[in-house]
Amino acid sequence: GKISKAIIAVGLISATYVWATGPLRSPRFSYNAAHPYFGFLPVLTYVFLRNITPSMRAHHLGLFRYLGSHSLEIYLLHHHIFLSRDGTTMVTIFAGYP
């Protein structure tokens, strides 16, 4: 019941805190190596906390709804307009600005 949900919530929040203060703050290449093992924690924590009670399920964040409804367009902009031909660097439109 409520006690088991509270224990799971505390565990997930603690694990997300450890991730946010540890692997998330590591240098880029070491983070990229660790990301497959830890990257799911904030998503899992959000999903669990959002679905923990019926009143929480009744609400949503408008930003996530907007991004979800425009994810294809954002993906296409990212890969076809904002990145250069090699897909790793951003296109520079004005000198001195990314």
C-alpha atoms as a PDB file:
ATOM      1  CA  GLY A   1       0.000   0.000   0.000  1.00  0.00           C
ATOM      2  CA  LYS A   2       1.102   3.481   0.918  1.00  0.00           C
ATOM      3  CA  ILE A   3       4.190   2.375   2.843  1.00  0.00           C
ATOM      4  CA  SER A   4       5.589   0.365  -0.071  1.00  0.00           C
ATOM      5  CA  LYS A   5       4.959   3.273  -2.455  1.00  0.00           C
ATOM      6  CA  ALA A   6       6.725   5.621  -0.028  1.00  0.00           C
ATOM      7  CA  ILE A   7       9.724   3.280   0.259  1.00  0.00           C
ATOM      8  CA  ILE A   8       9.993   2.987  -3.525  1.00  0.00           C
ATOM      9  CA  ALA A   9       9.626   6.763  -3.928  1.00  0.00           C
ATOM     10  CA  VAL A  10      12.382   7.459  -1.388  1.00  0.00           C
ATOM     11  CA  GLY A  11      14.630   4.907  -3.095  1.00  0.00           C
ATOM     12  CA  LEU A  12      14.051   6.401  -6.548  1.00  0.00           C
ATOM     13  CA  ILE A  13      14.532   9.966  -5.340  1.00  0.00           C
ATOM     14  CA  SER A  14      17.744   8.943  -3.554  1.00  0.00           C
ATOM     15  CA  ALA A  15      19.057   7.144  -6.643  1.00  0.00           C
ATOM     16  CA  THR A  16      18.221  10.157  -8.819  1.00  0.00           C
ATOM     17  CA  TYR A  17      20.014  12.440  -6.353  1.00  0.00           C
ATOM     18  CA  VAL A  18      23.104  10.210  -6.460  1.00  0.00           C
ATOM     19  CA  TRP A  19      22.937  10.242 -10.269  1.00  0.00           C
ATOM     20  CA  ALA A  20      22.543  14.050 -10.360  1.00  0.00           C
ATOM     21  CA  THR A  21      25.499  14.654  -8.047  1.00  0.00           C
ATOM     22  CA  GLY A  22      27.702  11.885  -9.470  1.00  0.00           C
ATOM     23  CA  PRO A  23      27.545  10.606 -13.053  1.00  0.00           C
ATOM     24  CA  LEU A  24      25.621  13.629 -14.371  1.00  0.00           C
ATOM     25  CA  ARG A  25      28.445  15.972 -13.338  1.00  0.00           C
ATOM     26  CA  SER A  26      31.261  13.813 -14.729  1.00  0.00           C
ATOM     27  CA  PRO A  27      33.227  14.796 -17.844  1.00  0.00           C
ATOM     28  CA  ARG A  28      31.540  14.267 -21.186  1.00  0.00           C
ATOM     29  CA  PHE A  29      33.198  11.042 -22.306  1.00  0.00           C
ATOM     30  CA  SER A  30      32.910   9.278 -18.961  1.00  0.00           C
ATOM     31  CA  TYR A  31      29.267  10.397 -18.736  1.00  0.00           C
ATOM     32  CA  ASN A  32      28.612   9.031 -22.235  1.00  0.00           C
ATOM     33  CA  ALA A  33      30.044   5.688 -21.132  1.00  0.00           C
ATOM     34  CA  ALA A  34      27.889   5.603 -17.967  1.00  0.00           C
ATOM     35  CA  HIS A  35      24.690   7.012 -19.504  1.00  0.00           C
ATOM     36  CA  PRO A  36      23.212   3.656 -20.608  1.00  0.00           C
ATOM     37  CA  TYR A  37      23.402   2.454 -17.008  1.00  0.00           C
ATOM     38  CA  PHE A  38      22.057   5.559 -15.227  1.00  0.00           C
ATOM     39  CA  GLY A  39      20.110   7.601 -17.800  1.00  0.00           C
ATOM     40  CA  PHE A  40      16.790   5.916 -17.080  1.00  0.00           C
ATOM     41  CA  LEU A  41      16.720   6.971 -13.396  1.00  0.00           C
ATOM     42  CA  PRO A  42      15.248  10.486 -13.758  1.00  0.00           C
ATOM     43  CA  VAL A  43      12.640   9.259 -16.247  1.00  0.00           C
ATOM     44  CA  LEU A  44      11.654   6.324 -14.052  1.00  0.00           C
ATOM     45  CA  THR A  45      11.458   8.594 -10.999  1.00  0.00           C
ATOM     46  CA  TYR A  46       9.264  11.083 -12.839  1.00  0.00           C
ATOM     47  CA  VAL A  47       6.932   8.383 -14.161  1.00  0.00           C
ATOM     48  CA  PHE A  48       6.623   6.715 -10.756  1.00  0.00           C
ATOM     49  CA  LEU A  49       5.975   9.948  -8.877  1.00  0.00           C
ATOM     50  CA  ARG A  50       3.509  11.147 -11.501  1.00  0.00           C
ATOM     51  CA  ASN A  51       1.518   7.918 -11.251  1.00  0.00           C
ATOM     52  CA  ILE A  52       1.737   7.423  -7.494  1.00  0.00           C
ATOM     53  CA  THR A  53      -1.781   8.748  -6.763  1.00  0.00           C
ATOM     54  CA  PRO A  54      -4.910   9.405  -8.844  1.00  0.00           C
ATOM     55  CA  SER A  55      -4.656  13.148  -8.195  1.00  0.00           C
ATOM     56  CA  MET A  56      -1.096  13.204  -9.559  1.00  0.00           C
ATOM     57  CA  ARG A  57      -2.239  11.305 -12.666  1.00  0.00           C
ATOM     58  CA  ALA A  58      -4.891  13.961 -13.301  1.00  0.00           C
ATOM     59  CA  HIS A  59      -2.270  16.681 -13.886  1.00  0.00           C
ATOM     60  CA  HIS A  60       0.429  17.085 -16.514  1.00  0.00           C
ATOM     61  CA  LEU A  61       3.241  19.449 -17.412  1.00  0.00           C
ATOM     62  CA  GLY A  62       2.387  21.544 -20.448  1.00  0.00           C
ATOM     63  CA  LEU A  63       6.011  21.583 -21.604  1.00  0.00           C
ATOM     64  CA  PHE A  64       6.136  17.774 -21.852  1.00  0.00           C
ATOM     65  CA  ARG A  65       2.806  17.733 -23.719  1.00  0.00           C
ATOM     66  CA  TYR A  66       4.064  20.370 -26.159  1.00  0.00           C
ATOM     67  CA  LEU A  67       7.387  18.614 -26.757  1.00  0.00           C
ATOM     68  CA  GLY A  68       5.627  15.281 -27.231  1.00  0.00           C
ATOM     69  CA  SER A  69       3.262  16.712 -29.807  1.00  0.00           C
ATOM     70  CA  HIS A  70       6.145  18.323 -31.726  1.00  0.00           C
ATOM     71  CA  SER A  71       8.856  15.678 -31.291  1.00  0.00           C
ATOM     72  CA  LEU A  72       9.107  14.818 -35.000  1.00  0.00           C
ATOM     73  CA  GLU A  73       9.511  18.461 -35.964  1.00  0.00           C
ATOM     74  CA  ILE A  74      12.131  19.026 -33.262  1.00  0.00           C
ATOM     75  CA  TYR A  75      14.038  15.938 -34.416  1.00  0.00           C
ATOM     76  CA  LEU A  76      14.006  17.073 -38.021  1.00  0.00           C
ATOM     77  CA  LEU A  77      15.113  20.602 -37.115  1.00  0.00           C
ATOM     78  CA  HIS A  78      17.904  19.212 -34.990  1.00  0.00           C
ATOM     79  CA  HIS A  79      19.321  16.841 -37.586  1.00  0.00           C
ATOM     80  CA  HIS A  80      18.634  18.703 -40.812  1.00  0.00           C
ATOM     81  CA  ILE A  81      18.918  22.382 -40.020  1.00  0.00           C
ATOM     82  CA  PHE A  82      20.904  22.995 -36.842  1.00  0.00           C
ATOM     83  CA  LEU A  83      23.725  20.479 -37.447  1.00  0.00           C
ATOM     84  CA  SER A  84      26.373  20.592 -40.149  1.00  0.00           C
ATOM     85  CA  ARG A  85      26.949  17.918 -42.757  1.00  0.00           C
ATOM     86  CA  ASP A  86      28.887  15.620 -40.398  1.00  0.00           C
ATOM     87  CA  GLY A  87      26.115  15.735 -37.775  1.00  0.00           C
ATOM     88  CA  THR A  88      28.382  16.648 -34.872  1.00  0.00           C
ATOM     89  CA  THR A  89      28.830  20.425 -35.091  1.00  0.00           C
ATOM     90  CA  MET A  90      26.284  23.218 -35.287  1.00  0.00           C
ATOM     91  CA  VAL A  91      25.895  25.343 -38.389  1.00  0.00           C
ATOM     92  CA  THR A  92      27.153  28.892 -37.885  1.00  0.00           C
ATOM     93  CA  ILE A  93      24.842  31.456 -39.437  1.00  0.00           C
ATOM     94  CA  PHE A  94      26.377  34.574 -37.893  1.00  0.00           C
ATOM     95  CA  ALA A  95      30.096  34.718 -37.110  1.00  0.00           C
ATOM     96  CA  GLY A  96      30.705  34.579 -33.364  1.00  0.00           C
ATOM     97  CA  TYR A  97      27.332  33.007 -32.605  1.00  0.00           C
ATOM     98  CA  PRO A  98      26.646  29.258 -32.545  1.00  0.00           C
END
